[in-house]
Amino acid sequence: HAKMDWWGNITFAVGLIAILIAITYGIQPYGTHAMGWTNPWVLTGLIGGVIVLAAFVFIETKVDSPLFELSLFKNRSFTFGNLANLAGSIGRGGLQFILIIWLQGIWLPQHGYDYSRTPLWAGIYMIPMTIGFLISAPVSGALSDKLGTKWFTTMGMLITAGTFGALIAMPVNFTYWVFALALLINGIGMGLFASPNRAEVMNSLPVTSRGSGAGMMTTFQNAAMVLSIGLFFSLMIAGLSTHLPDAMYSGLTANGMPAPAADGIAHIPTVGILFAAFLGYNPIREVAGQALQGLPQTSVDHLTGLNFFPHLISDPFSDGLTAAFTFALICCVLGAIASLFTGSKPTTVETVPATDTSEPRLSVGEELASVAGEASGACPSELVDSTAAREHLRS
């Protein structure tokens, strides 16, 4: 039996957790900065995590039963298939969160949906993406077994990249059928890539290494998904923080709020505004507090209603969307390039050599009789007449 790779497990877990925690705190404000990437603790987590993961790689080259079989990366299809999957997962991982923010925080309230109903309708309006994936994934999986995987994975990534370009060009207050079509094609692209990519990676490995290879591939994909969310939110915050304070200040003062109060509200952490949009509610009542008490009721109703907050953040949000979707587009193009270096031959079924059949094989009844005989101390032939059993089967 293989020994447990304790040091490999420990260093991999510590290194990965340190990096993910650092990314989580990196999107939070620090001092006068909109994000915390200059926070010493965040930098310590990132640098320390990378150092520990480097130690993990070194350990894996020395132990007899490594957690990660690094020798598998000598296989070109395994290496580039995983790189393509990693790039695609980073590019797509944060997409749904961004779309939810877009729908719940801006588009649905602008079209008359109450904030309490936006989570439900955001999910409903994103169904075309799921439909596209469900249509293309089984078809691409079946065809790639006959025609090869390379062009399915490459085209899948390029189609997905094209939909990110379409989302960049789309106005914040879009026409829904155009948005739905982009999501449908995005799902088709993901489906074209997913099944052939996994088949390519798994079929490139010997049978004895497929369990390890599958675990490595899944680990890379899950880590990339989490990393993607942190990167997407960082890009969104960077885009929002450029113009959001000025937009908040001008919008509040235009509706009668005193300049000092408006200035204080305009400089609240951008991540708070982003998560308010993500949760689908107007944060003005909470952040303005007593500043609303001196305003006419009509102004209060307007500031805390459905339209003010979505319209206020639309333009700054567009800057964040452009940054996030451009990053996703680049990742998908890199995934397509990596896919070109994988194998392209149709899948072949690896067979196991036939066993020696010179000796007659026991029937199920004879095997059960043998087990019962061992348990009772009786001879198996006393429990079942094998000759009679075979004659019965022939008849």
Protein backbone atom coordinates (compact mmCIF):
# COMPACT_ATOMS: atom_id res chain seq x y z
CA HIS A 1 0.00 0.00 0.00
CA ALA A 2 1.17 3.55 -0.76
CA LYS A 3 2.20 5.67 2.21
CA MET A 4 0.39 8.88 3.05
CA ASP A 5 2.26 11.93 1.80
CA TRP A 6 1.85 13.91 5.02
CA TRP A 7 4.32 16.69 4.24
CA GLY A 8 2.91 17.09 0.76
CA ASN A 9 -0.65 17.35 2.09
CA ILE A 10 0.34 19.83 4.79
CA THR A 11 2.42 22.14 2.61
CA PHE A 12 -0.13 22.13 -0.21
CA ALA A 13 -3.02 22.92 2.15
CA VAL A 14 -1.12 25.65 4.04
CA GLY A 15 0.19 27.31 0.88
CA LEU A 16 -3.14 27.29 -0.95
CA ILE A 17 -5.15 28.45 2.08
CA ALA A 18 -2.69 31.29 2.75
CA ILE A 19 -3.03 32.57 -0.82
CA LEU A 20 -6.84 32.33 -0.86
CA ILE A 21 -7.17 34.10 2.51
CA ALA A 22 -4.83 36.84 1.29
CA ILE A 23 -6.96 37.30 -1.84
CA THR A 24 -10.10 37.52 0.31
CA TYR A 25 -8.62 40.33 2.41
CA GLY A 26 -7.01 41.91 -0.62
CA ILE A 27 -10.36 43.08 -1.98
CA GLN A 28 -11.20 44.82 1.31
CA PRO A 29 -10.16 48.45 1.95
CA TYR A 30 -6.93 49.18 3.78
CA GLY A 31 -6.18 52.62 5.16
CA THR A 32 -6.92 55.18 2.47
CA HIS A 33 -6.78 52.60 -0.31
CA ALA A 34 -9.86 51.13 -1.97
CA MET A 35 -8.32 47.65 -1.70
CA GLY A 36 -5.94 45.93 0.65
CA TRP A 37 -3.19 44.69 -1.65
CA THR A 38 -0.65 46.85 0.21
CA ASN A 39 -1.71 45.42 3.59
CA PRO A 40 1.38 43.73 5.13
CA TRP A 41 -0.74 40.74 6.19
CA VAL A 42 -2.04 40.30 2.65
CA LEU A 43 1.46 40.51 1.21
CA THR A 44 2.70 38.05 3.83
CA GLY A 45 -0.06 35.62 2.90
CA LEU A 46 0.65 35.86 -0.82
CA ILE A 47 4.43 35.64 -0.61
CA GLY A 48 4.39 33.06 2.16
CA GLY A 49 1.84 30.94 0.31
CA VAL A 50 3.96 30.94 -2.84
CA ILE A 51 7.05 29.93 -0.83
CA VAL A 52 5.20 27.07 0.87
CA LEU A 53 3.84 25.85 -2.48
CA ALA A 54 7.38 25.93 -3.87
CA ALA A 55 8.41 23.74 -0.93
CA PHE A 56 5.48 21.46 -1.79
CA VAL A 57 6.79 21.01 -5.33
CA PHE A 58 10.24 20.15 -3.99
CA ILE A 59 8.79 17.62 -1.54
CA GLU A 60 6.78 15.94 -4.30
CA THR A 61 10.00 15.21 -6.19
CA LYS A 62 11.50 13.39 -3.20
CA VAL A 63 8.76 11.20 -1.69
CA ASP A 64 7.92 7.68 -2.87
CA SER A 65 4.13 8.20 -3.03
CA PRO A 66 3.56 11.89 -3.86
CA LEU A 67 0.23 13.66 -3.56
CA PHE A 68 0.85 15.13 -7.03
CA GLU A 69 2.62 12.97 -9.61
CA LEU A 70 4.71 15.74 -11.13
CA SER A 71 6.08 13.30 -13.69
CA LEU A 72 2.68 13.45 -15.41
CA PHE A 73 3.56 16.94 -16.65
CA LYS A 74 6.06 15.32 -19.01
CA ASN A 75 2.94 14.34 -20.97
CA ARG A 76 2.20 17.19 -23.38
CA SER A 77 -1.55 16.62 -23.57
CA PHE A 78 -1.84 16.45 -19.78
CA THR A 79 0.17 19.65 -19.31
CA PHE A 80 -1.50 21.79 -21.95
CA GLY A 81 -4.94 20.33 -21.23
CA ASN A 82 -4.60 21.40 -17.60
CA LEU A 83 -3.26 24.81 -18.61
CA ALA A 84 -6.27 25.31 -20.88
CA ASN A 85 -8.63 24.22 -18.12
CA LEU A 86 -6.86 26.49 -15.61
CA ALA A 87 -7.05 29.53 -17.90
CA GLY A 88 -10.68 28.82 -18.76
CA SER A 89 -11.64 28.35 -15.10
CA ILE A 90 -9.98 31.62 -14.10
CA GLY A 91 -11.71 33.40 -16.97
CA ARG A 92 -15.16 31.94 -16.27
CA GLY A 93 -15.12 31.38 -12.51
CA GLY A 94 -16.26 34.85 -11.45
CA LEU A 95 -18.66 35.35 -14.36
CA GLN A 96 -21.84 34.36 -12.56
CA PHE A 97 -21.09 36.67 -9.63
CA ILE A 98 -20.59 39.61 -11.98
CA LEU A 99 -23.79 38.80 -13.88
CA ILE A 100 -25.71 38.54 -10.60
CA ILE A 101 -24.44 41.97 -9.54
CA TRP A 102 -25.38 43.37 -12.94
CA LEU A 103 -28.89 41.97 -12.83
CA GLN A 104 -29.76 42.34 -9.13
CA GLY A 105 -28.09 45.68 -8.50
CA ILE A 106 -28.80 47.55 -11.72
CA TRP A 107 -30.83 46.03 -14.55
CA LEU A 108 -33.76 44.49 -12.68
CA PRO A 109 -34.45 47.53 -10.43
CA GLN A 110 -34.23 49.78 -13.50
CA HIS A 111 -36.98 47.67 -15.06
CA GLY A 112 -39.33 47.89 -12.10
CA TYR A 113 -38.45 44.74 -10.14
CA ASP A 114 -38.60 45.16 -6.39
CA TYR A 115 -35.32 44.42 -4.60
CA SER A 116 -36.92 41.53 -2.72
CA ARG A 117 -37.64 39.77 -6.04
CA THR A 118 -34.35 40.42 -7.83
CA PRO A 119 -32.51 37.26 -6.61
CA LEU A 120 -35.22 35.01 -8.07
CA TRP A 121 -35.40 36.82 -11.39
CA ALA A 122 -31.64 37.09 -11.71
CA GLY A 123 -31.50 33.30 -11.61
CA ILE A 124 -34.34 32.98 -14.12
CA TYR A 125 -32.77 35.44 -16.56
CA MET A 126 -29.47 33.52 -16.45
CA ILE A 127 -31.06 30.21 -17.50
CA PRO A 128 -29.96 30.58 -21.17
CA MET A 129 -26.35 29.98 -20.09
CA THR A 130 -27.32 26.65 -18.52
CA ILE A 131 -29.38 25.69 -21.57
CA GLY A 132 -26.43 26.34 -23.87
CA PHE A 133 -24.15 24.18 -21.75
CA LEU A 134 -26.68 21.34 -21.55
CA ILE A 135 -27.11 21.36 -25.33
CA SER A 136 -23.46 21.43 -26.36
CA ALA A 137 -21.67 19.41 -23.66
CA PRO A 138 -23.15 15.96 -24.51
CA VAL A 139 -22.86 16.56 -28.25
CA SER A 140 -19.24 17.71 -28.08
CA GLY A 141 -18.36 14.81 -25.80
CA ALA A 142 -19.77 12.25 -28.23
CA LEU A 143 -18.31 13.84 -31.37
CA SER A 144 -14.87 14.42 -29.87
CA ASP A 145 -14.55 10.69 -29.19
CA LYS A 146 -14.79 10.13 -32.94
CA LEU A 147 -13.18 13.27 -34.36
CA GLY A 148 -10.60 14.22 -31.72
CA THR A 149 -10.69 16.82 -28.96
CA LYS A 150 -8.35 19.62 -30.05
CA TRP A 151 -10.70 21.61 -32.25
CA PHE A 152 -13.66 21.27 -29.90
CA THR A 153 -11.70 22.65 -26.95
CA THR A 154 -10.09 25.39 -29.03
CA MET A 155 -13.36 26.52 -30.61
CA GLY A 156 -15.12 26.32 -27.25
CA MET A 157 -12.63 28.73 -25.69
CA LEU A 158 -12.73 31.08 -28.68
CA ILE A 159 -16.55 31.15 -28.69
CA THR A 160 -16.55 31.90 -24.96
CA ALA A 161 -14.00 34.67 -25.50
CA GLY A 162 -16.23 36.13 -28.22
CA THR A 163 -19.19 36.30 -25.84
CA PHE A 164 -17.08 38.26 -23.35
CA GLY A 165 -16.36 40.70 -26.15
CA ALA A 166 -20.11 40.97 -26.77
CA LEU A 167 -20.75 41.63 -23.07
CA ILE A 168 -18.11 44.39 -23.11
CA ALA A 169 -19.86 46.08 -26.04
CA MET A 170 -23.28 45.77 -24.40
CA PRO A 171 -24.73 48.81 -22.58
CA VAL A 172 -25.44 48.45 -18.87
CA ASN A 173 -29.16 48.90 -19.56
CA PHE A 174 -29.26 46.23 -22.26
CA THR A 175 -32.04 44.70 -24.34
CA TYR A 176 -32.73 41.35 -22.73
CA TRP A 177 -32.87 39.13 -25.83
CA VAL A 178 -29.37 40.32 -26.81
CA PHE A 179 -28.12 39.55 -23.29
CA ALA A 180 -29.84 36.14 -23.32
CA LEU A 181 -28.30 35.29 -26.70
CA ALA A 182 -24.83 36.15 -25.39
CA LEU A 183 -25.38 33.92 -22.35
CA LEU A 184 -26.69 31.07 -24.53
CA ILE A 185 -23.62 31.20 -26.79
CA ASN A 186 -21.37 31.49 -23.73
CA GLY A 187 -22.89 28.29 -22.35
CA ILE A 188 -22.44 26.58 -25.72
CA GLY A 189 -18.77 27.56 -25.75
CA MET A 190 -18.25 26.25 -22.23
CA GLY A 191 -19.99 23.00 -23.14
CA LEU A 192 -17.87 22.54 -26.26
CA PHE A 193 -14.75 22.87 -24.12
CA ALA A 194 -15.56 21.02 -20.89
CA SER A 195 -16.14 17.39 -21.85
CA PRO A 196 -13.49 17.10 -24.62
CA ASN A 197 -10.91 18.79 -22.40
CA ARG A 198 -11.40 16.33 -19.56
CA ALA A 199 -11.46 13.40 -22.00
CA GLU A 200 -8.22 14.59 -23.60
CA VAL A 201 -6.44 14.88 -20.26
CA MET A 202 -7.67 11.55 -18.91
CA ASN A 203 -7.05 9.58 -22.11
CA SER A 204 -3.49 10.88 -22.31
CA LEU A 205 -2.62 9.07 -19.06
CA PRO A 206 -1.97 5.40 -18.37
CA VAL A 207 -4.75 3.62 -16.50
CA THR A 208 -2.72 3.45 -13.29
CA SER A 209 -2.28 7.25 -13.20
CA ARG A 210 -5.79 8.39 -14.06
CA GLY A 211 -6.94 8.63 -10.46
CA SER A 212 -4.04 10.91 -9.57
CA GLY A 213 -4.47 12.88 -12.78
CA ALA A 214 -8.19 13.42 -12.18
CA GLY A 215 -7.51 14.63 -8.65
CA MET A 216 -4.86 17.07 -9.85
CA MET A 217 -7.11 18.41 -12.59
CA THR A 218 -10.03 18.92 -10.21
CA THR A 219 -7.78 20.65 -7.68
CA PHE A 220 -6.47 23.06 -10.31
CA GLN A 221 -10.00 23.81 -11.50
CA ASN A 222 -11.44 24.46 -8.04
CA ALA A 223 -8.50 26.63 -7.01
CA ALA A 224 -8.81 28.59 -10.25
CA MET A 225 -12.52 29.19 -9.65
CA VAL A 226 -11.84 30.69 -6.22
CA LEU A 227 -8.92 32.70 -7.56
CA SER A 228 -11.13 33.97 -10.37
CA ILE A 229 -13.71 35.37 -7.96
CA GLY A 230 -11.03 37.35 -6.11
CA LEU A 231 -9.56 38.66 -9.35
CA PHE A 232 -12.96 39.60 -10.79
CA PHE A 233 -13.96 41.49 -7.66
CA SER A 234 -10.57 43.26 -7.58
CA LEU A 235 -11.00 44.39 -11.18
CA MET A 236 -14.58 45.48 -10.51
CA ILE A 237 -13.53 47.49 -7.46
CA ALA A 238 -10.66 49.08 -9.38
CA GLY A 239 -13.04 50.10 -12.16
CA LEU A 240 -15.74 51.36 -9.81
CA SER A 241 -13.43 53.35 -7.55
CA THR A 242 -12.23 55.50 -10.45
CA HIS A 243 -15.51 57.36 -10.99
CA LEU A 244 -17.89 56.18 -8.25
CA PRO A 245 -17.04 58.85 -5.60
CA ASP A 246 -17.67 61.73 -8.02
CA ALA A 247 -20.88 60.12 -9.28
CA MET A 248 -22.11 59.54 -5.71
CA TYR A 249 -21.30 63.10 -4.63
CA SER A 250 -22.94 64.79 -7.61
CA GLY A 251 -26.01 62.56 -7.43
CA LEU A 252 -26.58 63.16 -3.71
CA THR A 253 -26.03 66.92 -3.80
CA ALA A 254 -28.32 67.22 -6.83
CA ASN A 255 -31.11 65.79 -4.66
CA GLY A 256 -30.60 68.27 -1.82
CA MET A 257 -28.16 66.47 0.48
CA PRO A 258 -25.67 68.81 2.20
CA ALA A 259 -22.17 68.74 0.69
CA PRO A 260 -20.35 67.49 3.84
CA ALA A 261 -22.76 64.55 4.24
CA ALA A 262 -22.62 63.76 0.52
CA ASP A 263 -18.83 63.83 0.57
CA GLY A 264 -18.71 61.38 3.48
CA ILE A 265 -21.11 58.97 1.78
CA ALA A 266 -19.24 59.24 -1.53
CA HIS A 267 -16.05 57.97 0.10
CA ILE A 268 -17.42 54.86 1.76
CA PRO A 269 -15.49 51.71 0.72
CA THR A 270 -16.21 50.72 -2.86
CA VAL A 271 -16.44 47.07 -1.84
CA GLY A 272 -19.49 47.97 0.29
CA ILE A 273 -21.27 49.44 -2.73
CA LEU A 274 -20.31 46.41 -4.80
CA PHE A 275 -21.69 43.95 -2.28
CA ALA A 276 -24.86 46.01 -1.90
CA ALA A 277 -25.38 45.56 -5.62
CA PHE A 278 -24.50 41.86 -5.28
CA LEU A 279 -27.11 41.41 -2.53
CA GLY A 280 -29.63 43.41 -4.55
CA TYR A 281 -30.54 46.35 -2.34
CA ASN A 282 -30.22 50.13 -2.22
CA PRO A 283 -27.72 51.03 0.53
CA ILE A 284 -28.47 54.76 0.59
CA ARG A 285 -30.85 54.58 3.58
CA GLU A 286 -28.26 52.72 5.67
CA VAL A 287 -25.21 54.81 4.74
CA ALA A 288 -26.98 58.20 4.75
CA GLY A 289 -28.61 57.72 8.15
CA GLN A 290 -29.51 61.03 9.80
CA ALA A 291 -28.54 63.00 6.70
CA LEU A 292 -31.89 61.99 5.20
CA GLN A 293 -33.89 63.52 8.04
CA GLY A 294 -33.39 67.10 6.85
CA LEU A 295 -34.50 66.38 3.29
CA PRO A 296 -38.00 66.68 1.82
CA GLN A 297 -39.89 63.40 1.78
CA THR A 298 -39.96 63.38 -2.01
CA SER A 299 -36.15 63.51 -2.08
CA VAL A 300 -35.92 60.74 0.53
CA ASP A 301 -38.28 58.55 -1.48
CA HIS A 302 -36.27 59.15 -4.64
CA LEU A 303 -32.88 58.48 -3.01
CA THR A 304 -34.07 55.24 -1.39
CA GLY A 305 -36.27 54.06 -4.26
CA LEU A 306 -35.68 51.62 -7.10
CA ASN A 307 -34.16 53.96 -9.67
CA PHE A 308 -31.65 56.26 -7.95
CA PHE A 309 -28.97 53.77 -6.88
CA PRO A 310 -28.96 51.69 -10.11
CA HIS A 311 -28.71 54.81 -12.27
CA LEU A 312 -26.06 56.28 -9.97
CA ILE A 313 -23.64 53.36 -10.30
CA SER A 314 -24.37 52.47 -13.94
CA ASP A 315 -21.49 54.40 -15.51
CA PRO A 316 -18.84 53.46 -12.90
CA PHE A 317 -20.10 49.88 -13.02
CA SER A 318 -19.58 49.85 -16.78
CA ASP A 319 -15.89 50.62 -16.22
CA GLY A 320 -15.64 47.67 -13.83
CA LEU A 321 -17.42 45.36 -16.26
CA THR A 322 -15.04 46.32 -19.05
CA ALA A 323 -11.99 45.55 -16.90
CA ALA A 324 -13.37 42.21 -15.65
CA PHE A 325 -14.63 40.96 -19.02
CA THR A 326 -11.43 42.02 -20.79
CA PHE A 327 -9.47 39.92 -18.31
CA ALA A 328 -11.85 36.99 -18.89
CA LEU A 329 -11.51 37.34 -22.66
CA ILE A 330 -7.70 37.22 -22.43
CA CYS A 331 -7.85 34.11 -20.21
CA CYS A 332 -10.11 32.31 -22.69
CA VAL A 333 -7.83 33.18 -25.61
CA LEU A 334 -4.88 31.79 -23.65
CA GLY A 335 -6.95 28.67 -22.98
CA ALA A 336 -7.61 28.31 -26.70
CA ILE A 337 -3.89 28.63 -27.49
CA ALA A 338 -3.05 25.98 -24.87
CA SER A 339 -5.68 23.68 -26.37
CA LEU A 340 -3.90 23.79 -29.72
CA PHE A 341 -0.94 21.96 -28.18
CA THR A 342 -2.98 19.00 -26.97
CA GLY A 343 -3.50 15.79 -28.94
CA SER A 344 -6.11 15.60 -31.68
CA LYS A 345 -6.51 11.88 -32.31
CA PRO A 346 -9.90 10.24 -31.76
CA THR A 347 -10.31 8.46 -28.47
CA THR A 348 -9.16 4.83 -28.37
CA VAL A 349 -10.38 2.39 -25.79
CA GLU A 350 -7.55 0.89 -23.75
CA THR A 351 -8.15 -2.82 -23.31
CA VAL A 352 -6.97 -5.10 -20.54
CA PRO A 353 -5.15 -8.27 -21.71
CA ALA A 354 -7.35 -11.33 -21.63
CA THR A 355 -6.76 -13.74 -18.78
CA ASP A 356 -5.83 -17.37 -19.30
CA THR A 357 -9.01 -19.35 -19.92
CA SER A 358 -7.46 -22.80 -20.11
CA GLU A 359 -9.05 -23.68 -16.78
CA PRO A 360 -12.86 -23.76 -16.72
CA ARG A 361 -14.27 -20.81 -14.87
CA LEU A 362 -16.39 -21.48 -11.82
CA SER A 363 -20.03 -20.55 -12.00
CA VAL A 364 -21.50 -18.10 -9.52
CA GLY A 365 -23.09 -21.00 -7.67
CA GLU A 366 -19.76 -22.82 -7.39
CA GLU A 367 -18.04 -19.69 -6.10
CA LEU A 368 -20.74 -19.18 -3.48
CA ALA A 369 -20.52 -22.85 -2.52
CA SER A 370 -16.77 -22.49 -2.10
CA VAL A 371 -17.24 -19.53 0.24
CA ALA A 372 -19.92 -21.39 2.20
CA GLY A 373 -17.73 -24.48 2.39
CA GLU A 374 -14.84 -22.51 3.83
CA ALA A 375 -17.15 -21.02 6.41
CA SER A 376 -18.71 -24.38 7.42
CA GLY A 377 -15.70 -26.63 6.97
CA ALA A 378 -17.51 -28.70 4.32
CA CYS A 379 -16.16 -29.52 0.89
CA PRO A 380 -17.70 -27.27 -1.81
CA SER A 381 -18.65 -30.37 -3.84
CA GLU A 382 -20.85 -31.46 -0.97
CA LEU A 383 -22.84 -28.26 -1.28
CA VAL A 384 -23.25 -28.14 -5.06
CA ASP A 385 -22.78 -30.71 -7.83
CA SER A 386 -20.67 -28.71 -10.31
CA THR A 387 -21.15 -31.25 -13.12
CA ALA A 388 -24.91 -31.16 -12.75
CA ALA A 389 -24.83 -27.38 -12.57
CA ARG A 390 -22.90 -27.11 -15.84
CA GLU A 391 -25.23 -29.62 -17.56
CA HIS A 392 -28.18 -27.55 -16.39
CA LEU A 393 -26.63 -24.36 -17.80
CA ARG A 394 -25.96 -26.02 -21.17
CA SER A 395 -29.57 -27.17 -21.42
